[in-house]
Amino acid sequence: MLRDAQYANVAISKAFPIITTDKLNEWVQMLETTDDLTVVRAVRQFVASVKAGRESTDET
């Protein structure tokens, strides 16, 4: 987020509010030890869980 001509850290994206920075970092770190398809599957599983109400999107 741009604030006073500087980028500020935010916990949740306005574009993708269900994805927290912690969750995004988890997927990025997965790329160090696994292939892209496995990460894509993890993202899809997360989104399906959120849609089904099984996953919280709150930063806790």
Protein backbone atom coordinates (compact mmCIF):
# COMPACT_ATOMS: atom_id res chain seq x y z
CA MET A 1 0.00 0.00 0.00
CA LEU A 2 1.36 3.39 -0.94
CA ARG A 3 1.23 5.85 1.94
CA ASP A 4 3.02 9.24 1.94
CA ALA A 5 5.02 8.24 -1.15
CA GLN A 6 6.30 5.14 0.70
CA TYR A 7 5.10 1.58 0.58
CA ALA A 8 3.67 0.37 3.88
CA ASN A 9 3.34 -3.25 4.96
CA VAL A 10 -0.21 -4.52 5.18
CA ALA A 11 -1.45 -7.81 6.58
CA ILE A 12 -4.23 -8.30 4.03
CA SER A 13 -4.38 -7.32 0.36
CA LYS A 14 -7.25 -5.20 -0.92
CA ALA A 15 -7.12 -7.21 -4.15
CA PHE A 16 -7.10 -10.63 -2.43
CA PRO A 17 -8.56 -10.12 1.06
CA ILE A 18 -8.77 -13.84 1.86
CA ILE A 19 -4.99 -14.24 1.50
CA THR A 20 -2.89 -12.98 4.39
CA THR A 21 0.79 -12.18 4.10
CA ASP A 22 1.55 -15.15 6.33
CA LYS A 23 -0.32 -17.50 3.99
CA LEU A 24 1.35 -15.99 0.93
CA ASN A 25 4.78 -16.34 2.54
CA GLU A 26 3.98 -19.98 3.35
CA TRP A 27 3.31 -20.70 -0.33
CA VAL A 28 6.43 -18.83 -1.46
CA GLN A 29 8.55 -20.82 1.00
CA MET A 30 7.02 -24.05 -0.32
CA LEU A 31 8.62 -23.25 -3.69
CA GLU A 32 12.04 -23.85 -2.12
CA THR A 33 11.24 -27.49 -1.40
CA THR A 34 8.54 -28.52 -3.85
CA ASP A 35 7.34 -27.99 -7.41
CA ASP A 36 4.98 -25.32 -8.72
CA LEU A 37 2.08 -27.72 -9.18
CA THR A 38 2.16 -28.71 -5.51
CA VAL A 39 2.00 -25.04 -4.51
CA VAL A 40 -0.88 -24.41 -6.92
CA ARG A 41 -2.73 -27.35 -5.38
CA ALA A 42 -2.14 -25.92 -1.89
CA VAL A 43 -3.53 -22.54 -2.98
CA ARG A 44 -6.58 -24.17 -4.56
CA GLN A 45 -7.16 -26.28 -1.44
CA PHE A 46 -6.97 -23.15 0.73
CA VAL A 47 -9.48 -21.28 -1.44
CA ALA A 48 -11.84 -24.27 -1.42
CA SER A 49 -11.57 -24.44 2.38
CA VAL A 50 -12.35 -20.74 2.73
CA LYS A 51 -15.34 -21.07 0.42
CA ALA A 52 -16.59 -24.04 2.46
CA GLY A 53 -16.13 -22.08 5.70
CA ARG A 54 -13.46 -24.42 7.07
CA GLU A 55 -10.56 -21.97 6.97
CA SER A 56 -10.35 -18.65 8.77
CA THR A 57 -9.10 -15.62 6.88
CA ASP A 58 -8.39 -13.66 10.08
CA GLU A 59 -4.83 -12.85 11.12
CA THR A 60 -4.58 -14.69 14.43
